Amino acid sequence: MTHVRRSRARDHVEVASRIAARLRRARRTRPSIDDSLDGDRLLGDLAVTPYWVAVRRRRIVGHLAGQLLDDGISPAYWVGLDGLSYDDPTVLEKILARAVRAVRRRGVVDWHVTVPDDAREIAALAPYGFTPTQRLGTLSRVVPERGAPPDVRYRRAGADAESLLARASDLVDLARGVHPTAPAEPLDPTILTWVAETDRPLGVAAAFPRLDQRGVRPGTWHLTTVAVEPATRRRGVGRALVTALVEDARRHGARAIDVTWDPTDATASSFWRALGVEETTVVASAALATPAAPRWPRRAPGPPASPAGRNG
């Protein structure tokens, strides 16, 4: 029988081992996922982070750890790539049910779980109302578009960065998405903003260095905004703009660039794939808008057990 409880000090070493194994397995199919770990730091984080564990026959068979983000309007609960593991679908069902009851009492409206970009992982969450809302990928290289309009200039924004980013919100954002580490202030000095222009701005792109996070390569920057005026699209301006921004970010120490986009946006998906983005993870989201307990399925489909007997 499986039961779910809050973590205890004696659980940290075993859960740390599960996290390490999960990242290693994710890297086998998605090489851009970083599986290096600082063991002491991980144990320290677990010691100060409340989480749930699923236990069966005195052995941990699953864990769930997340972060409550409250903007004062719609509190959300985020679970990172290292925040969920389960040995079989029954464990997933029990640990989600327990966590949902707890976070709903804290007023959480939305629930987001990051998983490897693997159809089996996504399918395992589907019976509980989770659907992919963001796809994340790593930009390994950018090839400038041949035949881009010669009259378009590309430059790093200066004092006009704030107004340019405000203008970008009026355009259709090719990199649409929200990341929990996104900076709140548009004029944060770590943000690089580039503009494509003639006698007026045609497009805007911005990137910033990501905070340290397990599963993400050190030195990774997040390309948070790419917006091009509708009449200018499909002429190579977006690709040239991203190229200029990525080159500048690398001069500032970026070792990798990641992007997020809406998986239902065909334009964004084709744009990033054409630039050679390697898809790494997916954010699956579910709404917890009503206080009624969710109707969990009796059995949930899930990824087959790995040779080690677990999937995460």
Foldseek 3Di string as FASTA:
>chain_A
DKAKDKDDLVCLVVLLVVLLVQQVVLCVVPVQFDSDDDVVVSSVVPVPFIWMFMDDPNDTFKIAGWDWDPPPPAIETETEQSGIWGLFLVRVVNRVLVVLLVVVVVVHWKYKYKHWPDPQAQQSCVLVAWDFFKWKWWQPFADADPQADPQKDKDWDDPCQVVQVVVLVVFPWLQDDDDPQDDDDSVDVQKIKMFIDHPHTFKIWIKGFGDDDRRHDPQEIEGETTGGHPVNPPRRPSSNNVNVRVVVSVVVRRPIYMTMGGPVDPVSVVVVVVRVIRTTMTMIMHTPRDSDRDDRDPGGRGDDGDPVSTND
